[in-house]
Amino acid sequence: MAREGRYVFTFTARKRKKPYYRYEGILRTHRFYIEYYSLLEGQEPSRAAGNGEARIAFPVRFMELVLDFSRELGGETVEVRMSKIRGQNLYYEKPIVLLPNEVAFRRHLLFAVTVSTYKKPLEARFNALRNLLLTMNANLINILSTIVMDRYRELKASSNPAWHWHMLRVGRAVKVLYKLD
């Protein structure tokens, strides 16, 4: 019997190079990233996040939507930590969510990449994307998510400062392909 992989994701805040004055609070000086970790056999989900290097990490938007989609895939919140921003008196919630299998991980990855390309929170578009990814063929999900991970490895190694925007083009392609834009 083949063992299916389990994955954990969490959010981290990373400092921006320059403050972004359109935002208030933590978003002015920091950007949130989603980080996915693979679980080793017998490893606790709460210990996997933050130990070692993330399998994939990129800037994310609409974090509550990403958390809700993980629950629809059967994910469960294992722990919610309060993280402090270094050098400031700001805290943020850092949930650690366990995804049940490889297919759920790939669907969630593609959802997070695609949602991060939207600028405005339009509920109708998010619902259409949610329904599309929940019903999409697993083979197509596998192909698109593999493209995302390959682009991540290539662009991260190239030390291009705009690597994440090139990686997010896969999310834009999904929007165009299914007329979600």
C-alpha atoms as a PDB file:
ATOM      1  CA  MET A   1       0.000   0.000   0.000  1.00  0.00           C
ATOM      2  CA  ALA A   2       1.454   3.351  -1.062  1.00  0.00           C
ATOM      3  CA  ARG A   3       1.625   6.029   1.599  1.00  0.00           C
ATOM      4  CA  GLU A   4       0.142   9.352   0.597  1.00  0.00           C
ATOM      5  CA  GLY A   5       2.055  12.487   1.483  1.00  0.00           C
ATOM      6  CA  ARG A   6       0.705  14.950   4.007  1.00  0.00           C
ATOM      7  CA  TYR A   7       1.414  18.635   3.899  1.00  0.00           C
ATOM      8  CA  VAL A   8       1.268  21.565   6.267  1.00  0.00           C
ATOM      9  CA  PHE A   9       1.007  25.238   5.421  1.00  0.00           C
ATOM     10  CA  THR A  10       1.337  28.381   7.454  1.00  0.00           C
ATOM     11  CA  PHE A  11       1.759  32.120   6.965  1.00  0.00           C
ATOM     12  CA  THR A  12       4.745  34.279   7.803  1.00  0.00           C
ATOM     13  CA  ALA A  13       5.285  38.017   7.661  1.00  0.00           C
ATOM     14  CA  ARG A  14       8.417  39.225   5.885  1.00  0.00           C
ATOM     15  CA  LYS A  15       9.700  42.771   5.916  1.00  0.00           C
ATOM     16  CA  ARG A  16       9.171  44.907   2.823  1.00  0.00           C
ATOM     17  CA  LYS A  17      12.123  46.794   1.368  1.00  0.00           C
ATOM     18  CA  LYS A  18      10.188  50.061   1.549  1.00  0.00           C
ATOM     19  CA  PRO A  19       7.047  50.891   3.552  1.00  0.00           C
ATOM     20  CA  TYR A  20       3.820  50.799   1.553  1.00  0.00           C
ATOM     21  CA  TYR A  21       1.861  53.854   2.718  1.00  0.00           C
ATOM     22  CA  ARG A  22      -1.550  52.764   1.411  1.00  0.00           C
ATOM     23  CA  TYR A  23      -1.800  50.252   4.243  1.00  0.00           C
ATOM     24  CA  GLU A  24      -2.103  50.634   8.000  1.00  0.00           C
ATOM     25  CA  GLY A  25      -0.500  48.486  10.687  1.00  0.00           C
ATOM     26  CA  ILE A  26       1.575  45.452   9.870  1.00  0.00           C
ATOM     27  CA  LEU A  27       0.815  45.524   6.130  1.00  0.00           C
ATOM     28  CA  ARG A  28       2.593  48.836   5.815  1.00  0.00           C
ATOM     29  CA  THR A  29       5.979  47.329   6.602  1.00  0.00           C
ATOM     30  CA  HIS A  30       5.490  43.592   6.006  1.00  0.00           C
ATOM     31  CA  ARG A  31       4.116  41.241   3.358  1.00  0.00           C
ATOM     32  CA  PHE A  32       2.528  37.889   4.165  1.00  0.00           C
ATOM     33  CA  TYR A  33       3.885  34.715   2.582  1.00  0.00           C
ATOM     34  CA  ILE A  34       2.338  31.261   2.525  1.00  0.00           C
ATOM     35  CA  GLU A  35       4.772  28.428   3.206  1.00  0.00           C
ATOM     36  CA  TYR A  36       4.114  24.760   2.442  1.00  0.00           C
ATOM     37  CA  TYR A  37       6.012  21.989   4.245  1.00  0.00           C
ATOM     38  CA  SER A  38       6.074  18.232   3.617  1.00  0.00           C
ATOM     39  CA  LEU A  39       5.524  16.031   6.633  1.00  0.00           C
ATOM     40  CA  LEU A  40       7.900  13.180   7.238  1.00  0.00           C
ATOM     41  CA  GLU A  41       6.420   9.926   8.415  1.00  0.00           C
ATOM     42  CA  GLY A  42       5.585  10.164  12.101  1.00  0.00           C
ATOM     43  CA  GLN A  43       6.374  13.890  12.282  1.00  0.00           C
ATOM     44  CA  GLU A  44       4.073  16.194  14.208  1.00  0.00           C
ATOM     45  CA  PRO A  45       2.385  18.874  12.016  1.00  0.00           C
ATOM     46  CA  SER A  46       3.067  21.650  14.536  1.00  0.00           C
ATOM     47  CA  ARG A  47       6.811  20.844  14.515  1.00  0.00           C
ATOM     48  CA  ALA A  48       7.116  20.647  10.716  1.00  0.00           C
ATOM     49  CA  ALA A  49       6.206  24.280  10.132  1.00  0.00           C
ATOM     50  CA  GLY A  50       9.229  26.427  10.729  1.00  0.00           C
ATOM     51  CA  ASN A  51      11.723  23.554  10.956  1.00  0.00           C
ATOM     52  CA  GLY A  52      13.788  23.371   7.811  1.00  0.00           C
ATOM     53  CA  GLU A  53      13.165  25.015   4.487  1.00  0.00           C
ATOM     54  CA  ALA A  54       9.681  25.334   3.059  1.00  0.00           C
ATOM     55  CA  ARG A  55       8.878  23.258   0.004  1.00  0.00           C
ATOM     56  CA  ILE A  56       7.397  26.353  -1.611  1.00  0.00           C
ATOM     57  CA  ALA A  57       6.753  29.885  -0.313  1.00  0.00           C
ATOM     58  CA  PHE A  58       5.320  32.935  -2.071  1.00  0.00           C
ATOM     59  CA  PRO A  59       3.436  36.173  -1.297  1.00  0.00           C
ATOM     60  CA  VAL A  60      -0.244  35.589  -0.633  1.00  0.00           C
ATOM     61  CA  ARG A  61      -3.321  37.759  -0.479  1.00  0.00           C
ATOM     62  CA  PHE A  62      -6.781  37.119   1.010  1.00  0.00           C
ATOM     63  CA  MET A  63      -5.537  34.816   3.767  1.00  0.00           C
ATOM     64  CA  GLU A  64      -8.995  34.150   5.245  1.00  0.00           C
ATOM     65  CA  LEU A  65     -10.169  32.892   1.854  1.00  0.00           C
ATOM     66  CA  VAL A  66      -7.140  30.602   1.617  1.00  0.00           C
ATOM     67  CA  LEU A  67      -7.902  29.214   5.096  1.00  0.00           C
ATOM     68  CA  ASP A  68     -11.570  28.649   4.214  1.00  0.00           C
ATOM     69  CA  PHE A  69     -10.601  26.768   1.057  1.00  0.00           C
ATOM     70  CA  SER A  70      -8.313  24.495   3.060  1.00  0.00           C
ATOM     71  CA  ARG A  71     -11.250  23.557   5.287  1.00  0.00           C
ATOM     72  CA  GLU A  72     -13.301  22.676   2.205  1.00  0.00           C
ATOM     73  CA  LEU A  73     -10.509  20.327   1.140  1.00  0.00           C
ATOM     74  CA  GLY A  74     -10.588  18.541   4.483  1.00  0.00           C
ATOM     75  CA  GLY A  75      -7.732  20.445   6.080  1.00  0.00           C
ATOM     76  CA  GLU A  76      -7.672  20.999   9.804  1.00  0.00           C
ATOM     77  CA  THR A  77      -6.094  23.747  11.846  1.00  0.00           C
ATOM     78  CA  VAL A  78      -3.614  22.032  14.136  1.00  0.00           C
ATOM     79  CA  GLU A  79      -2.427  25.059  16.063  1.00  0.00           C
ATOM     80  CA  VAL A  80      -2.650  28.851  16.017  1.00  0.00           C
ATOM     81  CA  ARG A  81       0.458  30.642  17.249  1.00  0.00           C
ATOM     82  CA  MET A  82       0.917  34.297  18.027  1.00  0.00           C
ATOM     83  CA  SER A  83       4.059  35.524  16.274  1.00  0.00           C
ATOM     84  CA  LYS A  84       5.831  38.737  17.134  1.00  0.00           C
ATOM     85  CA  ILE A  85       7.408  40.954  14.516  1.00  0.00           C
ATOM     86  CA  ARG A  86      11.068  41.423  15.336  1.00  0.00           C
ATOM     87  CA  GLY A  87      11.919  44.911  16.567  1.00  0.00           C
ATOM     88  CA  GLN A  88       8.265  46.001  16.807  1.00  0.00           C
ATOM     89  CA  ASN A  89       5.426  45.522  19.228  1.00  0.00           C
ATOM     90  CA  LEU A  90       3.172  43.895  16.608  1.00  0.00           C
ATOM     91  CA  TYR A  91       1.738  40.387  16.721  1.00  0.00           C
ATOM     92  CA  TYR A  92      -0.115  38.307  14.146  1.00  0.00           C
ATOM     93  CA  GLU A  93      -1.865  34.957  14.191  1.00  0.00           C
ATOM     94  CA  LYS A  94       0.052  32.159  12.511  1.00  0.00           C
ATOM     95  CA  PRO A  95      -2.234  29.161  11.891  1.00  0.00           C
ATOM     96  CA  ILE A  96      -0.697  25.774  11.105  1.00  0.00           C
ATOM     97  CA  VAL A  97      -3.035  23.825   8.830  1.00  0.00           C
ATOM     98  CA  LEU A  98      -2.686  20.146   7.941  1.00  0.00           C
ATOM     99  CA  LEU A  99      -3.821  19.141   4.444  1.00  0.00           C
ATOM    100  CA  PRO A 100      -4.940  15.505   4.198  1.00  0.00           C
ATOM    101  CA  ASN A 101      -3.259  14.353   0.968  1.00  0.00           C
ATOM    102  CA  GLU A 102      -1.296  15.228  -2.167  1.00  0.00           C
ATOM    103  CA  VAL A 103      -4.349  16.139  -4.258  1.00  0.00           C
ATOM    104  CA  ALA A 104      -5.610  18.531  -1.579  1.00  0.00           C
ATOM    105  CA  PHE A 105      -2.130  20.095  -1.381  1.00  0.00           C
ATOM    106  CA  ARG A 106      -2.024  20.642  -5.153  1.00  0.00           C
ATOM    107  CA  ARG A 107      -5.563  22.063  -5.302  1.00  0.00           C
ATOM    108  CA  HIS A 108      -4.770  24.388  -2.417  1.00  0.00           C
ATOM    109  CA  LEU A 109      -1.485  25.493  -3.979  1.00  0.00           C
ATOM    110  CA  LEU A 110      -3.189  26.349  -7.261  1.00  0.00           C
ATOM    111  CA  PHE A 111      -5.977  28.182  -5.427  1.00  0.00           C
ATOM    112  CA  ALA A 112      -3.508  30.248  -3.387  1.00  0.00           C
ATOM    113  CA  VAL A 113      -1.453  31.134  -6.477  1.00  0.00           C
ATOM    114  CA  THR A 114      -4.543  32.164  -8.443  1.00  0.00           C
ATOM    115  CA  VAL A 115      -6.189  34.130  -5.595  1.00  0.00           C
ATOM    116  CA  SER A 116      -2.941  36.021  -5.011  1.00  0.00           C
ATOM    117  CA  THR A 117      -3.206  37.512  -8.508  1.00  0.00           C
ATOM    118  CA  TYR A 118      -6.493  39.303  -7.765  1.00  0.00           C
ATOM    119  CA  LYS A 119      -6.334  42.927  -6.665  1.00  0.00           C
ATOM    120  CA  LYS A 120      -9.889  43.402  -5.410  1.00  0.00           C
ATOM    121  CA  PRO A 121     -11.922  40.986  -3.296  1.00  0.00           C
ATOM    122  CA  LEU A 122     -14.806  40.080  -5.628  1.00  0.00           C
ATOM    123  CA  GLU A 123     -16.860  37.309  -4.049  1.00  0.00           C
ATOM    124  CA  ALA A 124     -18.395  36.058  -7.325  1.00  0.00           C
ATOM    125  CA  ARG A 125     -14.959  35.472  -8.866  1.00  0.00           C
ATOM    126  CA  PHE A 126     -13.671  33.727  -5.765  1.00  0.00           C
ATOM    127  CA  ASN A 127     -16.702  31.418  -5.684  1.00  0.00           C
ATOM    128  CA  ALA A 128     -16.258  30.576  -9.370  1.00  0.00           C
ATOM    129  CA  LEU A 129     -12.580  29.790  -8.773  1.00  0.00           C
ATOM    130  CA  ARG A 130     -13.408  27.721  -5.696  1.00  0.00           C
ATOM    131  CA  ASN A 131     -15.997  25.657  -7.594  1.00  0.00           C
ATOM    132  CA  LEU A 132     -13.656  25.234 -10.561  1.00  0.00           C
ATOM    133  CA  LEU A 133     -10.765  23.906  -8.493  1.00  0.00           C
ATOM    134  CA  LEU A 134     -12.952  21.615  -6.397  1.00  0.00           C
ATOM    135  CA  THR A 135     -14.325  19.947  -9.539  1.00  0.00           C
ATOM    136  CA  MET A 136     -11.251  20.097 -11.791  1.00  0.00           C
ATOM    137  CA  ASN A 137      -9.684  16.850 -12.956  1.00  0.00           C
ATOM    138  CA  ALA A 138      -6.800  15.774 -10.691  1.00  0.00           C
ATOM    139  CA  ASN A 139      -4.516  15.204 -13.702  1.00  0.00           C
ATOM    140  CA  LEU A 140      -4.880  18.829 -14.815  1.00  0.00           C
ATOM    141  CA  ILE A 141      -4.368  20.019 -11.234  1.00  0.00           C
ATOM    142  CA  ASN A 142      -1.197  17.920 -11.101  1.00  0.00           C
ATOM    143  CA  ILE A 143       0.164  19.454 -14.324  1.00  0.00           C
ATOM    144  CA  LEU A 144      -0.559  23.066 -13.302  1.00  0.00           C
ATOM    145  CA  SER A 145       0.797  22.681  -9.780  1.00  0.00           C
ATOM    146  CA  THR A 146       3.942  20.988 -11.099  1.00  0.00           C
ATOM    147  CA  ILE A 147       4.475  23.984 -13.371  1.00  0.00           C
ATOM    148  CA  VAL A 148       4.137  26.272 -10.335  1.00  0.00           C
ATOM    149  CA  MET A 149       6.689  24.282  -8.309  1.00  0.00           C
ATOM    150  CA  ASP A 150       9.141  24.038 -11.231  1.00  0.00           C
ATOM    151  CA  ARG A 151       8.919  27.776 -11.869  1.00  0.00           C
ATOM    152  CA  TYR A 152       9.447  28.394  -8.155  1.00  0.00           C
ATOM    153  CA  ARG A 153      12.657  26.334  -8.095  1.00  0.00           C
ATOM    154  CA  GLU A 154      14.018  27.883 -11.312  1.00  0.00           C
ATOM    155  CA  LEU A 155      13.210  31.488 -10.470  1.00  0.00           C
ATOM    156  CA  LYS A 156      14.254  31.272  -6.816  1.00  0.00           C
ATOM    157  CA  ALA A 157      17.653  29.916  -7.891  1.00  0.00           C
ATOM    158  CA  SER A 158      18.083  32.662 -10.493  1.00  0.00           C
ATOM    159  CA  SER A 159      18.080  35.366  -7.768  1.00  0.00           C
ATOM    160  CA  ASN A 160      15.718  37.526  -9.836  1.00  0.00           C
ATOM    161  CA  PRO A 161      14.155  40.081  -7.462  1.00  0.00           C
ATOM    162  CA  ALA A 162      10.768  39.722  -9.203  1.00  0.00           C
ATOM    163  CA  TRP A 163      10.717  35.920  -9.052  1.00  0.00           C
ATOM    164  CA  HIS A 164       7.324  35.690  -7.350  1.00  0.00           C
ATOM    165  CA  TRP A 165       5.550  37.709 -10.052  1.00  0.00           C
ATOM    166  CA  HIS A 166       6.834  35.331 -12.722  1.00  0.00           C
ATOM    167  CA  MET A 167       5.682  32.355 -10.666  1.00  0.00           C
ATOM    168  CA  LEU A 168       2.218  33.878 -10.171  1.00  0.00           C
ATOM    169  CA  ARG A 169       1.751  33.959 -13.947  1.00  0.00           C
ATOM    170  CA  VAL A 170       0.465  30.400 -13.690  1.00  0.00           C
ATOM    171  CA  GLY A 171      -2.398  31.754 -11.554  1.00  0.00           C
ATOM    172  CA  ARG A 172      -3.075  34.424 -14.152  1.00  0.00           C
ATOM    173  CA  ALA A 173      -3.105  31.743 -16.840  1.00  0.00           C
ATOM    174  CA  VAL A 174      -5.768  29.799 -14.902  1.00  0.00           C
ATOM    175  CA  LYS A 175      -7.891  32.952 -14.687  1.00  0.00           C
ATOM    176  CA  VAL A 176      -7.587  33.559 -18.434  1.00  0.00           C
ATOM    177  CA  LEU A 177      -8.097  29.891 -19.366  1.00  0.00           C
ATOM    178  CA  TYR A 178     -11.375  29.675 -17.460  1.00  0.00           C
ATOM    179  CA  LYS A 179     -12.497  33.294 -18.075  1.00  0.00           C
ATOM    180  CA  LEU A 180     -12.345  34.239 -14.402  1.00  0.00           C
ATOM    181  CA  ASP A 181     -10.713  37.604 -14.983  1.00  0.00           C
END
